[in-house]
Amino acid sequence: DNCAGTIVTNTGELCYGAGVSGNFSYDFTVEDEYNCQYAGTSTVSVSCACSASASISGNASICGDGASSADLTFNIPTGIGPYILTYTDGTSNFTLNSATDGESVTIAPTSTTTYEIVSIEDVGGGCFGTFSGSAVITVNALPTITGTLNACIGLTTQLTGSGTPAAVSPWVSSNVAVASVDNTGLVTGVSAGTSVITYTDANGCDVDETVTVDPNVTPT
């Protein structure tokens, strides 16, 4: 008799599907190469307490020039990825459909913004992990320059930058052959022409203004 035999069933665990936990029994029939059929029952324990644990990092300070950016990093040290990770800027949600540990995204907010994780889910759907932390991107206003933007050769004009100046080289002239500038913003006319004067504040944000040096006029 070729149909003599038994079937051994095992129990297992899943983390997949609609997120319903519990013990579920499945009836099945197996047919071998001799066309013998065997019926059996298997129990599967479905647990949706997934092991994924995500956090966010990336506190940074950028300038409000519309071009400065920063990176957010998502750390997922446990679990088996990839994952569907959703984060928010407090107004809109953004989704990474295949996130892994160390995933990084570049953002460029125009105002100070706090980013947080909304959810982390296995790619099969239904099993959600835990998450924590936040990242604050501080957007600093651009500085301004005030003062007279004209000078005569051999004479000076005092410029003033807003906020706290950078500790090193807060004032720079693009053309020292036309106009020089010291660390206090005092511009000296050297020769006729124009020079771009750049002021940088303590946040690393800068602003440009053009200084015109007028030629000396000989009285007639």
N, C-alpha and C. Protein backbone atom coordinates (compact mmCIF):
# COMPACT_ATOMS: atom_id res chain seq x y z
N ASP A 1 0.86 -1.18 0.00
CA ASP A 1 0.00 0.00 0.00
C ASP A 1 0.90 1.23 0.00
N ASN A 2 0.83 2.01 -1.10
CA ASN A 2 1.67 3.19 -1.20
C ASN A 2 1.13 4.36 -0.39
N CYS A 3 -0.04 4.20 0.19
CA CYS A 3 -0.66 5.32 0.88
C CYS A 3 -0.44 5.30 2.38
N ALA A 4 0.47 4.52 2.85
CA ALA A 4 0.76 4.51 4.29
C ALA A 4 1.65 5.70 4.61
N GLY A 5 1.35 6.46 5.63
CA GLY A 5 2.19 7.60 6.02
C GLY A 5 1.42 8.56 6.89
N THR A 6 2.14 9.54 7.43
CA THR A 6 1.53 10.56 8.29
C THR A 6 2.08 11.94 7.90
N ILE A 7 1.40 12.95 8.35
CA ILE A 7 1.83 14.33 8.13
C ILE A 7 2.13 14.96 9.48
N VAL A 8 3.28 15.62 9.55
CA VAL A 8 3.67 16.34 10.76
C VAL A 8 3.40 17.82 10.53
N THR A 9 2.64 18.47 11.42
CA THR A 9 2.34 19.90 11.28
C THR A 9 3.11 20.68 12.34
N ASN A 10 3.47 21.91 12.00
CA ASN A 10 4.18 22.79 12.92
C ASN A 10 3.37 24.06 13.14
N THR A 11 3.66 24.74 14.21
CA THR A 11 3.05 26.04 14.45
C THR A 11 4.06 27.11 14.09
N GLY A 12 3.57 28.30 13.79
CA GLY A 12 4.47 29.39 13.42
C GLY A 12 3.89 30.73 13.78
N GLU A 13 4.69 31.78 13.50
CA GLU A 13 4.25 33.14 13.77
C GLU A 13 4.32 33.96 12.51
N LEU A 14 3.35 34.85 12.37
CA LEU A 14 3.32 35.77 11.23
C LEU A 14 3.18 37.20 11.75
N CYS A 15 3.66 38.14 10.96
CA CYS A 15 3.38 39.55 11.21
C CYS A 15 3.03 40.15 9.87
N TYR A 16 1.81 40.02 9.47
CA TYR A 16 1.41 40.38 8.11
C TYR A 16 -0.09 40.48 8.05
N GLY A 17 -0.59 41.27 7.14
CA GLY A 17 -2.01 41.28 6.87
C GLY A 17 -2.74 42.45 7.47
N ALA A 18 -3.94 42.20 7.96
CA ALA A 18 -4.83 43.27 8.36
C ALA A 18 -4.63 43.73 9.79
N GLY A 19 -3.60 43.21 10.46
CA GLY A 19 -3.32 43.67 11.79
C GLY A 19 -4.14 43.01 12.87
N VAL A 20 -4.70 41.81 12.61
CA VAL A 20 -5.50 41.08 13.61
C VAL A 20 -4.62 40.03 14.26
N SER A 21 -4.49 40.11 15.57
CA SER A 21 -3.66 39.15 16.30
C SER A 21 -4.52 38.00 16.82
N GLY A 22 -3.88 36.86 17.05
CA GLY A 22 -4.59 35.71 17.59
C GLY A 22 -4.06 34.41 17.05
N ASN A 23 -4.64 33.28 17.49
CA ASN A 23 -4.28 31.96 17.00
C ASN A 23 -5.32 31.50 15.99
N PHE A 24 -4.85 31.10 14.81
CA PHE A 24 -5.75 30.71 13.74
C PHE A 24 -5.40 29.32 13.23
N SER A 25 -6.43 28.49 13.06
CA SER A 25 -6.23 27.13 12.56
C SER A 25 -6.60 27.06 11.09
N TYR A 26 -5.79 26.32 10.33
CA TYR A 26 -6.02 26.17 8.91
C TYR A 26 -6.10 24.69 8.57
N ASP A 27 -7.17 24.27 7.91
CA ASP A 27 -7.30 22.89 7.42
C ASP A 27 -6.70 22.80 6.03
N PHE A 28 -6.02 21.73 5.78
CA PHE A 28 -5.39 21.59 4.47
C PHE A 28 -5.42 20.12 4.04
N THR A 29 -5.24 19.90 2.75
CA THR A 29 -5.14 18.56 2.18
C THR A 29 -3.88 18.50 1.32
N VAL A 30 -3.12 17.42 1.50
CA VAL A 30 -1.89 17.22 0.74
C VAL A 30 -2.03 15.96 -0.10
N GLU A 31 -1.62 16.06 -1.35
CA GLU A 31 -1.64 14.90 -2.24
C GLU A 31 -0.22 14.59 -2.66
N ASP A 32 0.19 13.31 -2.48
CA ASP A 32 1.56 12.95 -2.83
C ASP A 32 1.64 12.41 -4.25
N GLU A 33 2.83 11.92 -4.62
CA GLU A 33 3.06 11.46 -5.99
C GLU A 33 2.26 10.21 -6.35
N TYR A 34 1.71 9.51 -5.32
CA TYR A 34 0.90 8.31 -5.57
C TYR A 34 -0.59 8.64 -5.58
N ASN A 35 -0.90 9.92 -5.60
CA ASN A 35 -2.29 10.38 -5.58
C ASN A 35 -2.99 10.06 -4.26
N CYS A 36 -2.19 9.91 -3.22
CA CYS A 36 -2.77 9.70 -1.89
C CYS A 36 -2.97 11.06 -1.22
N GLN A 37 -4.13 11.24 -0.63
CA GLN A 37 -4.45 12.51 0.00
C GLN A 37 -4.44 12.38 1.51
N TYR A 38 -3.92 13.40 2.16
CA TYR A 38 -3.85 13.43 3.62
C TYR A 38 -4.45 14.77 4.08
N ALA A 39 -5.29 14.72 5.08
CA ALA A 39 -5.89 15.93 5.65
C ALA A 39 -5.19 16.28 6.95
N GLY A 40 -5.11 17.55 7.22
CA GLY A 40 -4.46 17.97 8.45
C GLY A 40 -4.92 19.36 8.87
N THR A 41 -4.49 19.74 10.05
CA THR A 41 -4.81 21.07 10.59
C THR A 41 -3.53 21.68 11.14
N SER A 42 -3.29 22.96 10.83
CA SER A 42 -2.12 23.66 11.34
C SER A 42 -2.57 24.92 12.04
N THR A 43 -1.90 25.25 13.10
CA THR A 43 -2.21 26.46 13.87
C THR A 43 -1.10 27.49 13.68
N VAL A 44 -1.51 28.68 13.36
CA VAL A 44 -0.55 29.78 13.19
C VAL A 44 -0.90 30.88 14.18
N SER A 45 0.10 31.34 14.90
CA SER A 45 -0.08 32.45 15.82
C SER A 45 0.28 33.74 15.10
N VAL A 46 -0.70 34.61 14.96
CA VAL A 46 -0.50 35.89 14.28
C VAL A 46 -0.32 36.98 15.33
N SER A 47 0.86 37.58 15.35
CA SER A 47 1.16 38.65 16.30
C SER A 47 1.60 39.88 15.55
N CYS A 48 0.90 40.96 15.77
CA CYS A 48 1.23 42.20 15.06
C CYS A 48 1.92 43.21 15.96
N ALA A 49 2.62 42.72 16.95
CA ALA A 49 3.49 43.59 17.74
C ALA A 49 4.86 43.57 17.08
N CYS A 50 4.98 44.29 15.96
CA CYS A 50 6.20 44.23 15.16
C CYS A 50 7.40 44.78 15.93
N SER A 51 8.57 44.32 15.55
CA SER A 51 9.77 44.68 16.30
C SER A 51 10.40 45.97 15.81
N ALA A 52 9.89 46.57 14.74
CA ALA A 52 10.48 47.79 14.22
C ALA A 52 10.32 48.94 15.20
N SER A 53 11.41 49.68 15.42
CA SER A 53 11.37 50.85 16.29
C SER A 53 12.14 51.96 15.59
N ALA A 54 11.48 53.06 15.27
CA ALA A 54 12.09 54.12 14.47
C ALA A 54 12.23 55.40 15.28
N SER A 55 13.28 56.16 14.96
CA SER A 55 13.46 57.49 15.54
C SER A 55 13.94 58.43 14.46
N ILE A 56 13.81 59.72 14.72
CA ILE A 56 14.18 60.74 13.74
C ILE A 56 15.23 61.66 14.36
N SER A 57 16.18 62.11 13.55
CA SER A 57 17.19 63.05 14.03
C SER A 57 17.53 64.02 12.92
N GLY A 58 18.22 65.10 13.27
CA GLY A 58 18.61 66.06 12.25
C GLY A 58 18.37 67.51 12.62
N ASN A 59 18.38 67.84 13.95
CA ASN A 59 18.24 69.25 14.33
C ASN A 59 19.28 70.08 13.59
N ALA A 60 18.85 71.19 13.00
CA ALA A 60 19.78 72.00 12.22
C ALA A 60 19.29 73.44 12.17
N SER A 61 20.21 74.33 11.80
CA SER A 61 19.91 75.74 11.62
C SER A 61 20.29 76.12 10.21
N ILE A 62 19.34 76.70 9.45
CA ILE A 62 19.61 77.09 8.07
C ILE A 62 19.19 78.55 7.87
N CYS A 63 19.54 79.10 6.72
CA CYS A 63 19.22 80.48 6.40
C CYS A 63 17.94 80.55 5.57
N GLY A 64 17.17 81.60 5.78
CA GLY A 64 15.90 81.74 5.09
C GLY A 64 16.04 82.37 3.72
N ASP A 65 16.92 81.82 2.91
CA ASP A 65 17.14 82.36 1.56
C ASP A 65 16.40 81.56 0.50
N GLY A 66 15.67 80.52 0.91
CA GLY A 66 14.94 79.70 -0.03
C GLY A 66 15.78 78.64 -0.70
N ALA A 67 17.09 78.68 -0.47
CA ALA A 67 17.99 77.70 -1.10
C ALA A 67 18.68 76.80 -0.09
N SER A 68 18.74 77.23 1.16
CA SER A 68 19.41 76.43 2.19
C SER A 68 18.57 75.20 2.54
N SER A 69 19.23 74.10 2.85
CA SER A 69 18.52 72.86 3.16
C SER A 69 19.21 72.13 4.31
N ALA A 70 18.54 71.11 4.79
CA ALA A 70 19.07 70.26 5.86
C ALA A 70 18.62 68.83 5.60
N ASP A 71 19.22 67.88 6.30
CA ASP A 71 18.89 66.47 6.13
C ASP A 71 18.21 65.92 7.38
N LEU A 72 17.15 65.16 7.17
CA LEU A 72 16.53 64.38 8.23
C LEU A 72 17.01 62.94 8.10
N THR A 73 17.31 62.29 9.22
CA THR A 73 17.75 60.90 9.20
C THR A 73 16.79 60.06 10.03
N PHE A 74 16.36 58.94 9.46
CA PHE A 74 15.45 58.02 10.15
C PHE A 74 16.23 56.77 10.56
N ASN A 75 16.27 56.52 11.85
CA ASN A 75 17.01 55.37 12.38
C ASN A 75 16.03 54.25 12.72
N ILE A 76 16.27 53.07 12.13
CA ILE A 76 15.40 51.90 12.37
C ILE A 76 16.32 50.73 12.72
N PRO A 77 16.84 50.71 13.95
CA PRO A 77 17.86 49.71 14.29
C PRO A 77 17.33 48.30 14.49
N THR A 78 16.03 48.14 14.67
CA THR A 78 15.46 46.80 14.90
C THR A 78 14.45 46.47 13.81
N GLY A 79 14.13 45.20 13.70
CA GLY A 79 13.17 44.77 12.70
C GLY A 79 13.84 44.45 11.38
N ILE A 80 13.05 43.95 10.46
CA ILE A 80 13.54 43.58 9.13
C ILE A 80 12.81 44.45 8.10
N GLY A 81 13.58 45.31 7.43
CA GLY A 81 13.00 46.24 6.47
C GLY A 81 12.88 45.62 5.09
N PRO A 82 12.53 46.41 4.09
CA PRO A 82 12.20 47.83 4.23
C PRO A 82 10.82 48.06 4.84
N TYR A 83 10.59 49.34 5.20
CA TYR A 83 9.33 49.70 5.84
C TYR A 83 8.66 50.85 5.13
N ILE A 84 7.37 51.00 5.36
CA ILE A 84 6.63 52.18 4.93
C ILE A 84 6.64 53.15 6.10
N LEU A 85 7.36 54.25 5.94
CA LEU A 85 7.52 55.22 7.03
C LEU A 85 6.89 56.55 6.62
N THR A 86 6.04 57.07 7.48
CA THR A 86 5.37 58.34 7.23
C THR A 86 5.79 59.35 8.28
N TYR A 87 6.17 60.55 7.83
CA TYR A 87 6.55 61.62 8.76
C TYR A 87 5.79 62.89 8.39
N THR A 88 5.81 63.87 9.30
CA THR A 88 5.03 65.08 9.10
C THR A 88 5.83 66.32 9.46
N ASP A 89 5.48 67.44 8.83
CA ASP A 89 6.04 68.74 9.20
C ASP A 89 5.04 69.55 10.02
N GLY A 90 4.00 68.88 10.48
CA GLY A 90 2.96 69.53 11.26
C GLY A 90 1.80 70.01 10.42
N THR A 91 2.01 70.05 9.10
CA THR A 91 0.95 70.47 8.18
C THR A 91 0.62 69.37 7.18
N SER A 92 1.66 68.79 6.60
CA SER A 92 1.48 67.74 5.59
C SER A 92 2.24 66.48 6.00
N ASN A 93 1.76 65.34 5.51
CA ASN A 93 2.44 64.07 5.73
C ASN A 93 3.22 63.67 4.48
N PHE A 94 4.35 63.00 4.70
CA PHE A 94 5.19 62.53 3.61
C PHE A 94 5.53 61.08 3.87
N THR A 95 5.51 60.24 2.83
CA THR A 95 5.69 58.81 2.99
C THR A 95 6.91 58.30 2.23
N LEU A 96 7.73 57.51 2.91
CA LEU A 96 8.83 56.77 2.28
C LEU A 96 8.36 55.33 2.15
N ASN A 97 8.23 54.85 0.93
CA ASN A 97 7.62 53.54 0.71
C ASN A 97 8.58 52.37 0.86
N SER A 98 9.87 52.66 1.01
CA SER A 98 10.85 51.57 1.15
C SER A 98 11.99 52.02 2.06
N ALA A 99 11.63 52.43 3.26
CA ALA A 99 12.62 52.98 4.19
C ALA A 99 13.45 51.90 4.86
N THR A 100 14.73 52.18 5.03
CA THR A 100 15.64 51.29 5.74
C THR A 100 16.40 52.09 6.80
N ASP A 101 17.15 51.40 7.63
CA ASP A 101 17.89 52.07 8.70
C ASP A 101 18.86 53.08 8.12
N GLY A 102 18.85 54.30 8.65
CA GLY A 102 19.74 55.34 8.17
C GLY A 102 19.20 56.12 6.99
N GLU A 103 17.94 55.88 6.63
CA GLU A 103 17.32 56.60 5.52
C GLU A 103 17.40 58.11 5.75
N SER A 104 17.76 58.86 4.70
CA SER A 104 17.92 60.30 4.82
C SER A 104 17.14 61.02 3.74
N VAL A 105 16.52 62.14 4.10
CA VAL A 105 15.82 62.98 3.13
C VAL A 105 16.27 64.42 3.32
N THR A 106 16.32 65.17 2.25
CA THR A 106 16.71 66.58 2.28
C THR A 106 15.46 67.44 2.25
N ILE A 107 15.41 68.41 3.18
CA ILE A 107 14.25 69.28 3.26
C ILE A 107 14.73 70.74 3.26
N ALA A 108 13.86 71.65 2.82
CA ALA A 108 14.21 73.08 2.75
C ALA A 108 13.01 73.92 3.19
N PRO A 109 12.69 73.90 4.48
CA PRO A 109 11.55 74.70 4.95
C PRO A 109 11.86 76.20 4.86
N THR A 110 10.83 77.00 4.76
CA THR A 110 11.01 78.44 4.70
C THR A 110 10.77 79.11 6.05
N SER A 111 10.33 78.35 7.03
CA SER A 111 10.18 78.84 8.40
C SER A 111 10.54 77.70 9.35
N THR A 112 10.81 78.04 10.60
CA THR A 112 11.20 77.03 11.58
C THR A 112 10.14 75.95 11.68
N THR A 113 10.56 74.69 11.55
CA THR A 113 9.62 73.57 11.43
C THR A 113 10.08 72.39 12.27
N THR A 114 9.13 71.72 12.91
CA THR A 114 9.41 70.50 13.66
C THR A 114 8.89 69.30 12.87
N TYR A 115 9.76 68.31 12.68
CA TYR A 115 9.40 67.10 11.94
C TYR A 115 9.28 65.93 12.92
N GLU A 116 8.25 65.11 12.73
CA GLU A 116 8.03 63.93 13.58
C GLU A 116 7.57 62.76 12.73
N ILE A 117 7.81 61.56 13.23
CA ILE A 117 7.32 60.35 12.56
C ILE A 117 5.85 60.15 12.92
N VAL A 118 5.06 59.78 11.92
CA VAL A 118 3.64 59.51 12.13
C VAL A 118 3.39 58.01 12.30
N SER A 119 4.07 57.18 11.49
CA SER A 119 3.88 55.74 11.59
C SER A 119 5.02 55.02 10.89
N ILE A 120 5.24 53.78 11.29
CA ILE A 120 6.15 52.89 10.58
C ILE A 120 5.46 51.54 10.47
N GLU A 121 5.42 51.00 9.26
CA GLU A 121 4.62 49.81 8.95
C GLU A 121 5.41 48.87 8.07
N ASP A 122 5.23 47.57 8.29
CA ASP A 122 5.93 46.62 7.42
C ASP A 122 5.38 46.72 6.00
N VAL A 123 6.18 46.36 5.01
CA VAL A 123 5.77 46.54 3.61
C VAL A 123 4.56 45.68 3.26
N GLY A 124 4.29 44.61 4.02
CA GLY A 124 3.12 43.80 3.75
C GLY A 124 1.85 44.50 4.17
N GLY A 125 1.98 45.43 5.10
CA GLY A 125 0.82 46.18 5.56
C GLY A 125 0.20 45.57 6.80
N GLY A 126 -0.23 46.42 7.72
CA GLY A 126 -1.00 45.96 8.86
C GLY A 126 -0.24 45.84 10.16
N CYS A 127 1.08 45.72 10.09
CA CYS A 127 1.85 45.58 11.33
C CYS A 127 2.65 46.85 11.57
N PHE A 128 2.34 47.52 12.67
CA PHE A 128 2.92 48.82 12.94
C PHE A 128 3.94 48.74 14.07
N GLY A 129 5.08 49.42 13.90
CA GLY A 129 6.10 49.48 14.93
C GLY A 129 5.96 50.73 15.77
N THR A 130 6.94 50.97 16.63
CA THR A 130 6.94 52.13 17.51
C THR A 130 7.88 53.20 16.96
N PHE A 131 7.69 54.43 17.41
CA PHE A 131 8.53 55.52 16.92
C PHE A 131 8.63 56.60 17.98
N SER A 132 9.67 57.43 17.86
CA SER A 132 9.89 58.48 18.87
C SER A 132 10.74 59.59 18.28
N GLY A 133 10.83 60.69 19.03
CA GLY A 133 11.74 61.77 18.69
C GLY A 133 11.16 62.78 17.73
N SER A 134 11.93 63.84 17.53
CA SER A 134 11.57 64.89 16.60
C SER A 134 12.83 65.60 16.15
N ALA A 135 12.74 66.33 15.06
CA ALA A 135 13.87 67.11 14.55
C ALA A 135 13.37 68.52 14.25
N VAL A 136 14.08 69.50 14.78
CA VAL A 136 13.68 70.90 14.60
C VAL A 136 14.66 71.57 13.63
N ILE A 137 14.13 72.10 12.54
CA ILE A 137 14.93 72.86 11.59
C ILE A 137 14.63 74.33 11.83
N THR A 138 15.61 75.05 12.36
CA THR A 138 15.46 76.48 12.64
C THR A 138 15.86 77.28 11.41
N VAL A 139 14.96 78.14 10.95
CA VAL A 139 15.22 78.97 9.77
C VAL A 139 15.50 80.39 10.24
N ASN A 140 16.73 80.85 10.00
CA ASN A 140 17.15 82.18 10.42
C ASN A 140 16.92 83.20 9.31
N ALA A 141 16.42 84.37 9.70
CA ALA A 141 16.21 85.45 8.73
C ALA A 141 17.55 85.93 8.20
N LEU A 142 17.56 86.35 6.94
CA LEU A 142 18.78 86.89 6.35
C LEU A 142 19.11 88.24 6.99
N PRO A 143 20.39 88.54 7.16
CA PRO A 143 20.78 89.84 7.71
C PRO A 143 20.57 90.96 6.69
N THR A 144 20.71 92.19 7.13
CA THR A 144 20.60 93.35 6.25
C THR A 144 21.82 94.25 6.43
N ILE A 145 22.06 95.06 5.43
CA ILE A 145 23.14 96.06 5.48
C ILE A 145 22.51 97.43 5.34
N THR A 146 22.90 98.34 6.23
CA THR A 146 22.45 99.72 6.13
C THR A 146 23.67 100.63 6.07
N GLY A 147 23.48 101.81 5.51
CA GLY A 147 24.57 102.77 5.37
C GLY A 147 24.65 103.31 3.96
N THR A 148 25.52 104.26 3.74
CA THR A 148 25.69 104.87 2.42
C THR A 148 26.54 103.97 1.54
N LEU A 149 26.02 103.67 0.35
CA LEU A 149 26.68 102.73 -0.55
C LEU A 149 27.52 103.44 -1.61
N ASN A 150 27.94 104.64 -1.29
CA ASN A 150 28.83 105.40 -2.18
C ASN A 150 30.00 105.94 -1.38
N ALA A 151 31.15 106.01 -2.01
CA ALA A 151 32.33 106.60 -1.38
C ALA A 151 33.19 107.25 -2.45
N CYS A 152 34.05 108.15 -2.02
CA CYS A 152 35.02 108.76 -2.93
C CYS A 152 36.38 108.11 -2.71
N ILE A 153 37.24 108.22 -3.67
CA ILE A 153 38.57 107.64 -3.55
C ILE A 153 39.28 108.27 -2.35
N GLY A 154 39.81 107.43 -1.49
CA GLY A 154 40.53 107.90 -0.32
C GLY A 154 39.64 108.23 0.86
N LEU A 155 38.32 108.16 0.69
CA LEU A 155 37.39 108.45 1.78
C LEU A 155 36.66 107.17 2.20
N THR A 156 35.90 107.27 3.26
CA THR A 156 35.26 106.08 3.82
C THR A 156 33.75 106.25 3.94
N THR A 157 33.07 105.11 4.05
CA THR A 157 31.65 105.08 4.38
C THR A 157 31.41 103.91 5.33
N GLN A 158 30.63 104.16 6.37
CA GLN A 158 30.40 103.12 7.38
C GLN A 158 29.13 102.34 7.08
N LEU A 159 29.28 101.03 6.95
CA LEU A 159 28.14 100.14 6.78
C LEU A 159 27.88 99.39 8.08
N THR A 160 26.61 99.06 8.32
CA THR A 160 26.22 98.34 9.53
C THR A 160 25.42 97.10 9.16
N GLY A 161 25.79 95.96 9.73
CA GLY A 161 25.06 94.72 9.50
C GLY A 161 24.14 94.42 10.67
N SER A 162 22.98 93.84 10.38
CA SER A 162 22.03 93.50 11.45
C SER A 162 22.50 92.27 12.21
N GLY A 163 21.98 92.15 13.43
CA GLY A 163 22.30 90.98 14.24
C GLY A 163 23.74 90.97 14.72
N THR A 164 24.20 89.79 15.10
CA THR A 164 25.57 89.62 15.59
C THR A 164 26.47 89.20 14.44
N PRO A 165 27.58 89.92 14.23
CA PRO A 165 28.46 89.55 13.11
C PRO A 165 29.18 88.23 13.36
N ALA A 166 29.58 87.59 12.27
CA ALA A 166 30.37 86.35 12.38
C ALA A 166 31.67 86.65 13.11
N ALA A 167 32.20 85.66 13.80
CA ALA A 167 33.42 85.85 14.58
C ALA A 167 34.64 86.06 13.68
N VAL A 168 34.60 85.47 12.48
CA VAL A 168 35.73 85.56 11.56
C VAL A 168 35.25 86.14 10.23
N SER A 169 35.93 87.17 9.76
CA SER A 169 35.65 87.81 8.45
C SER A 169 34.17 88.10 8.22
N PRO A 170 33.57 88.92 9.09
CA PRO A 170 32.15 89.24 8.88
C PRO A 170 31.92 90.12 7.65
N TRP A 171 32.94 90.88 7.26
CA TRP A 171 32.82 91.77 6.10
C TRP A 171 33.87 91.40 5.06
N VAL A 172 33.44 91.30 3.80
CA VAL A 172 34.36 90.94 2.72
C VAL A 172 34.04 91.79 1.49
N SER A 173 35.10 92.27 0.83
CA SER A 173 34.94 93.01 -0.42
C SER A 173 35.31 92.10 -1.59
N SER A 174 34.50 92.12 -2.64
CA SER A 174 34.79 91.28 -3.80
C SER A 174 35.90 91.87 -4.67
N ASN A 175 36.19 93.16 -4.51
CA ASN A 175 37.19 93.82 -5.35
C ASN A 175 37.94 94.85 -4.50
N VAL A 176 38.99 94.39 -3.82
CA VAL A 176 39.73 95.28 -2.92
C VAL A 176 40.51 96.34 -3.68
N ALA A 177 40.65 96.19 -4.99
CA ALA A 177 41.31 97.23 -5.79
C ALA A 177 40.41 98.45 -5.95
N VAL A 178 39.11 98.24 -5.72
CA VAL A 178 38.14 99.34 -5.81
C VAL A 178 37.76 99.82 -4.42
N ALA A 179 37.45 98.89 -3.53
CA ALA A 179 37.03 99.26 -2.17
C ALA A 179 37.46 98.17 -1.20
N SER A 180 38.03 98.58 -0.10
CA SER A 180 38.37 97.64 0.97
C SER A 180 37.38 97.82 2.10
N VAL A 181 37.26 96.81 2.97
CA VAL A 181 36.36 96.90 4.10
C VAL A 181 37.00 96.19 5.29
N ASP A 182 36.89 96.79 6.47
CA ASP A 182 37.46 96.14 7.66
C ASP A 182 36.39 95.35 8.38
N ASN A 183 36.74 94.74 9.52
CA ASN A 183 35.82 93.86 10.24
C ASN A 183 34.67 94.60 10.92
N THR A 184 34.70 95.94 10.91
CA THR A 184 33.59 96.71 11.49
C THR A 184 32.62 97.18 10.43
N GLY A 185 32.95 96.96 9.14
CA GLY A 185 32.09 97.42 8.06
C GLY A 185 32.48 98.77 7.51
N LEU A 186 33.66 99.26 7.88
CA LEU A 186 34.13 100.55 7.37
C LEU A 186 34.75 100.34 5.99
N VAL A 187 34.13 100.96 4.98
CA VAL A 187 34.56 100.80 3.59
C VAL A 187 35.43 101.99 3.20
N THR A 188 36.56 101.70 2.54
CA THR A 188 37.45 102.75 2.05
C THR A 188 37.52 102.68 0.53
N GLY A 189 37.26 103.82 -0.11
CA GLY A 189 37.36 103.88 -1.56
C GLY A 189 38.82 103.85 -2.01
N VAL A 190 39.13 102.98 -2.96
CA VAL A 190 40.51 102.84 -3.45
C VAL A 190 40.64 103.38 -4.87
N SER A 191 39.73 103.00 -5.73
CA SER A 191 39.73 103.49 -7.11
C SER A 191 38.31 103.49 -7.63
N ALA A 192 38.08 104.19 -8.72
CA ALA A 192 36.72 104.31 -9.26
C ALA A 192 36.22 102.94 -9.74
N GLY A 193 34.96 102.67 -9.44
CA GLY A 193 34.35 101.41 -9.85
C GLY A 193 33.36 100.92 -8.83
N THR A 194 33.03 99.63 -8.89
CA THR A 194 32.09 99.03 -7.94
C THR A 194 32.69 97.77 -7.31
N SER A 195 32.25 97.48 -6.13
CA SER A 195 32.66 96.26 -5.42
C SER A 195 31.48 95.74 -4.62
N VAL A 196 31.30 94.43 -4.61
CA VAL A 196 30.23 93.81 -3.82
C VAL A 196 30.75 93.58 -2.40
N ILE A 197 30.04 94.14 -1.44
CA ILE A 197 30.40 93.98 -0.03
C ILE A 197 29.46 92.93 0.57
N THR A 198 30.04 91.89 1.17
CA THR A 198 29.26 90.80 1.77
C THR A 198 29.38 90.87 3.28
N TYR A 199 28.23 90.81 3.94
CA TYR A 199 28.19 90.76 5.40
C TYR A 199 27.64 89.41 5.83
N THR A 200 28.32 88.74 6.77
CA THR A 200 27.90 87.43 7.29
C THR A 200 27.64 87.55 8.78
N ASP A 201 26.48 87.04 9.22
CA ASP A 201 26.18 87.11 10.65
C ASP A 201 26.61 85.83 11.37
N ALA A 202 26.34 85.79 12.67
CA ALA A 202 26.79 84.67 13.50
C ALA A 202 26.08 83.36 13.16
N ASN A 203 24.96 83.42 12.46
CA ASN A 203 24.26 82.21 12.03
C ASN A 203 24.80 81.64 10.73
N GLY A 204 25.77 82.36 10.14
CA GLY A 204 26.32 81.92 8.87
C GLY A 204 25.52 82.38 7.68
N CYS A 205 24.55 83.25 7.91
CA CYS A 205 23.74 83.79 6.81
C CYS A 205 24.37 85.08 6.31
N ASP A 206 24.29 85.32 5.01
CA ASP A 206 24.96 86.50 4.47
C ASP A 206 24.06 87.28 3.52
N VAL A 207 24.50 88.51 3.25
CA VAL A 207 23.77 89.40 2.36
C VAL A 207 24.80 90.25 1.62
N ASP A 208 24.48 90.62 0.38
CA ASP A 208 25.38 91.42 -0.46
C ASP A 208 24.79 92.80 -0.74
N GLU A 209 25.67 93.78 -0.83
CA GLU A 209 25.31 95.11 -1.33
C GLU A 209 26.47 95.61 -2.18
N THR A 210 26.16 96.39 -3.20
CA THR A 210 27.19 96.92 -4.09
C THR A 210 27.54 98.35 -3.70
N VAL A 211 28.82 98.58 -3.49
CA VAL A 211 29.33 99.92 -3.17
C VAL A 211 29.97 100.51 -4.42
N THR A 212 29.63 101.75 -4.70
CA THR A 212 30.20 102.46 -5.85
C THR A 212 31.21 103.49 -5.35
N VAL A 213 32.41 103.42 -5.90
CA VAL A 213 33.44 104.41 -5.57
C VAL A 213 33.51 105.41 -6.72
N ASP A 214 33.21 106.65 -6.41
CA ASP A 214 33.18 107.68 -7.42
C ASP A 214 34.57 108.26 -7.65
N PRO A 215 34.89 108.61 -8.87
CA PRO A 215 36.20 109.23 -9.13
C PRO A 215 36.26 110.63 -8.50
N ASN A 216 37.44 111.01 -8.08
CA ASN A 216 37.60 112.37 -7.53
C ASN A 216 37.46 113.38 -8.66
N VAL A 217 36.74 114.43 -8.38
CA VAL A 217 36.51 115.49 -9.35
C VAL A 217 37.46 116.65 -9.08
N THR A 218 38.22 117.07 -10.09
CA THR A 218 39.15 118.18 -9.93
C THR A 218 38.41 119.49 -10.19
N PRO A 219 38.39 120.39 -9.23
CA PRO A 219 37.67 121.66 -9.43
C PRO A 219 38.27 122.45 -10.61
N THR A 220 37.42 123.13 -11.34
CA THR A 220 37.91 123.99 -12.45
C THR A 220 37.60 125.43 -12.14
